[in-house]
Amino acid sequence: MNIFEYEKKPGFGSLFLRRKKIISFVILKKEKEKHEAVVLLKEHLEKKLPYYMVPGDFVFLDQFPHSISHKVDKNALIRDYLRAME
C-alpha cells in the first residue's frame, strides 16, 4: 500500500513523501486486548514470512468498509488509517 504523507519543511512550500508500508487491517473475533493481539500476530507472522513482509502497523476494525459493489473499499481503509495517525 502506498501512502503519501504531507510534510512542511523549511524552504519548501510543501513536500509529499511516498512511503511504502505494509499495514494489516484486523477484525478480532474474540474480545482481546489489542496490544496482546499485535504481539501474537507479529510472532506468528515472523515465523511464516520474511522480515520485510511483516506488517509495520496493525489497524483494528469492527468491520471492513465496502463499496457499492460489495468489495472491500481500499480507499476508505487508507483514509481511516491516515485519520487515525493524525
C-alpha atoms as a PDB file:
ATOM      1  CA  MET A   1       0.000   0.000   0.000  1.00  0.00           C
ATOM      2  CA  ASN A   2       1.439   3.355  -0.934  1.00  0.00           C
ATOM      3  CA  ILE A   3       0.842   6.214   1.431  1.00  0.00           C
ATOM      4  CA  PHE A   4       1.535   9.789   0.512  1.00  0.00           C
ATOM      5  CA  GLU A   5       2.450  11.845   3.515  1.00  0.00           C
ATOM      6  CA  TYR A   6       2.317  15.630   3.551  1.00  0.00           C
ATOM      7  CA  GLU A   7       5.075  17.433   5.391  1.00  0.00           C
ATOM      8  CA  LYS A   8       6.021  21.075   5.687  1.00  0.00           C
ATOM      9  CA  LYS A   9       9.746  21.694   5.578  1.00  0.00           C
ATOM     10  CA  PRO A  10      11.646  24.972   5.914  1.00  0.00           C
ATOM     11  CA  GLY A  11      12.467  26.259   2.447  1.00  0.00           C
ATOM     12  CA  PHE A  12       9.776  24.155   0.777  1.00  0.00           C
ATOM     13  CA  GLY A  13       6.162  25.106   0.125  1.00  0.00           C
ATOM     14  CA  SER A  14       5.134  21.531   0.701  1.00  0.00           C
ATOM     15  CA  LEU A  15       6.666  18.133   0.339  1.00  0.00           C
ATOM     16  CA  PHE A  16       4.949  14.844  -0.379  1.00  0.00           C
ATOM     17  CA  LEU A  17       6.834  11.746   0.669  1.00  0.00           C
ATOM     18  CA  ARG A  18       5.952   8.387  -0.794  1.00  0.00           C
ATOM     19  CA  ARG A  19       6.482   5.643   1.721  1.00  0.00           C
ATOM     20  CA  LYS A  20       5.741   2.011   1.180  1.00  0.00           C
ATOM     21  CA  LYS A  21       4.498   0.344   4.298  1.00  0.00           C
ATOM     22  CA  ILE A  22       2.681  -2.892   4.957  1.00  0.00           C
ATOM     23  CA  ILE A  23      -0.406  -2.349   7.074  1.00  0.00           C
ATOM     24  CA  SER A  24      -2.575  -5.137   8.423  1.00  0.00           C
ATOM     25  CA  PHE A  25      -6.269  -4.402   8.945  1.00  0.00           C
ATOM     26  CA  VAL A  26      -7.618  -6.814  11.551  1.00  0.00           C
ATOM     27  CA  ILE A  27     -11.058  -7.781  12.824  1.00  0.00           C
ATOM     28  CA  LEU A  28     -10.890  -9.635  16.137  1.00  0.00           C
ATOM     29  CA  LYS A  29     -13.402 -12.471  16.530  1.00  0.00           C
ATOM     30  CA  LYS A  30     -12.966 -12.599  20.300  1.00  0.00           C
ATOM     31  CA  GLU A  31     -12.584  -9.622  22.574  1.00  0.00           C
ATOM     32  CA  LYS A  32      -8.869  -9.418  23.225  1.00  0.00           C
ATOM     33  CA  GLU A  33      -6.565  -6.626  24.268  1.00  0.00           C
ATOM     34  CA  LYS A  34      -5.215  -5.050  21.088  1.00  0.00           C
ATOM     35  CA  HIS A  35      -1.628  -4.958  22.325  1.00  0.00           C
ATOM     36  CA  GLU A  36      -1.771  -8.684  23.094  1.00  0.00           C
ATOM     37  CA  ALA A  37      -3.258  -9.366  19.643  1.00  0.00           C
ATOM     38  CA  VAL A  38      -0.463  -7.397  17.924  1.00  0.00           C
ATOM     39  CA  VAL A  39       2.205  -9.351  19.818  1.00  0.00           C
ATOM     40  CA  LEU A  40       0.604 -12.692  18.897  1.00  0.00           C
ATOM     41  CA  LEU A  41       0.113 -11.691  15.256  1.00  0.00           C
ATOM     42  CA  LYS A  42       3.694 -10.441  14.889  1.00  0.00           C
ATOM     43  CA  GLU A  43       5.115 -13.589  16.480  1.00  0.00           C
ATOM     44  CA  HIS A  44       3.072 -15.779  14.136  1.00  0.00           C
ATOM     45  CA  LEU A  45       3.876 -13.751  11.012  1.00  0.00           C
ATOM     46  CA  GLU A  46       7.598 -13.568  11.822  1.00  0.00           C
ATOM     47  CA  LYS A  47       7.682 -17.379  11.790  1.00  0.00           C
ATOM     48  CA  LYS A  48       5.890 -17.585   8.426  1.00  0.00           C
ATOM     49  CA  LEU A  49       7.125 -14.562   6.453  1.00  0.00           C
ATOM     50  CA  PRO A  50      10.424 -12.863   5.611  1.00  0.00           C
ATOM     51  CA  TYR A  51      11.055  -9.902   7.936  1.00  0.00           C
ATOM     52  CA  TYR A  52      10.334  -7.340   5.188  1.00  0.00           C
ATOM     53  CA  MET A  53       6.811  -8.729   4.697  1.00  0.00           C
ATOM     54  CA  VAL A  54       5.735  -8.462   8.348  1.00  0.00           C
ATOM     55  CA  PRO A  55       3.300  -5.532   8.700  1.00  0.00           C
ATOM     56  CA  GLY A  56       4.632  -2.420  10.379  1.00  0.00           C
ATOM     57  CA  ASP A  57       1.217  -1.337  11.635  1.00  0.00           C
ATOM     58  CA  PHE A  58      -1.928  -3.141  12.714  1.00  0.00           C
ATOM     59  CA  VAL A  59      -5.277  -1.372  12.498  1.00  0.00           C
ATOM     60  CA  PHE A  60      -8.251  -2.905  14.306  1.00  0.00           C
ATOM     61  CA  LEU A  61     -11.698  -2.572  12.764  1.00  0.00           C
ATOM     62  CA  ASP A  62     -15.209  -3.643  13.714  1.00  0.00           C
ATOM     63  CA  GLN A  63     -15.905  -4.372  10.056  1.00  0.00           C
ATOM     64  CA  PHE A  64     -14.338  -3.691   6.661  1.00  0.00           C
ATOM     65  CA  PRO A  65     -15.734  -0.764   4.662  1.00  0.00           C
ATOM     66  CA  HIS A  66     -17.409  -1.899   1.440  1.00  0.00           C
ATOM     67  CA  SER A  67     -18.046  -0.184  -1.865  1.00  0.00           C
ATOM     68  CA  ILE A  68     -21.379  -0.149  -3.659  1.00  0.00           C
ATOM     69  CA  SER A  69     -20.313  -3.346  -5.461  1.00  0.00           C
ATOM     70  CA  HIS A  70     -19.749  -5.065  -2.072  1.00  0.00           C
ATOM     71  CA  LYS A  71     -15.963  -5.189  -2.440  1.00  0.00           C
ATOM     72  CA  VAL A  72     -13.608  -4.008   0.304  1.00  0.00           C
ATOM     73  CA  ASP A  73     -13.174  -0.251  -0.165  1.00  0.00           C
ATOM     74  CA  LYS A  74      -9.374   0.136  -0.111  1.00  0.00           C
ATOM     75  CA  ASN A  75      -9.570   3.926  -0.388  1.00  0.00           C
ATOM     76  CA  ALA A  76     -11.719   4.072   2.745  1.00  0.00           C
ATOM     77  CA  LEU A  77      -9.184   1.875   4.562  1.00  0.00           C
ATOM     78  CA  ILE A  78      -6.353   4.251   3.640  1.00  0.00           C
ATOM     79  CA  ARG A  79      -8.466   7.274   4.627  1.00  0.00           C
ATOM     80  CA  ASP A  80      -9.300   5.714   8.012  1.00  0.00           C
ATOM     81  CA  TYR A  81      -5.654   4.774   8.573  1.00  0.00           C
ATOM     82  CA  LEU A  82      -4.424   8.300   7.822  1.00  0.00           C
ATOM     83  CA  ARG A  83      -7.136   9.789  10.049  1.00  0.00           C
ATOM     84  CA  ALA A  84      -6.082   7.501  12.912  1.00  0.00           C
ATOM     85  CA  MET A  85      -2.431   8.557  12.512  1.00  0.00           C
ATOM     86  CA  GLU A  86      -3.229  12.280  12.883  1.00  0.00           C
END
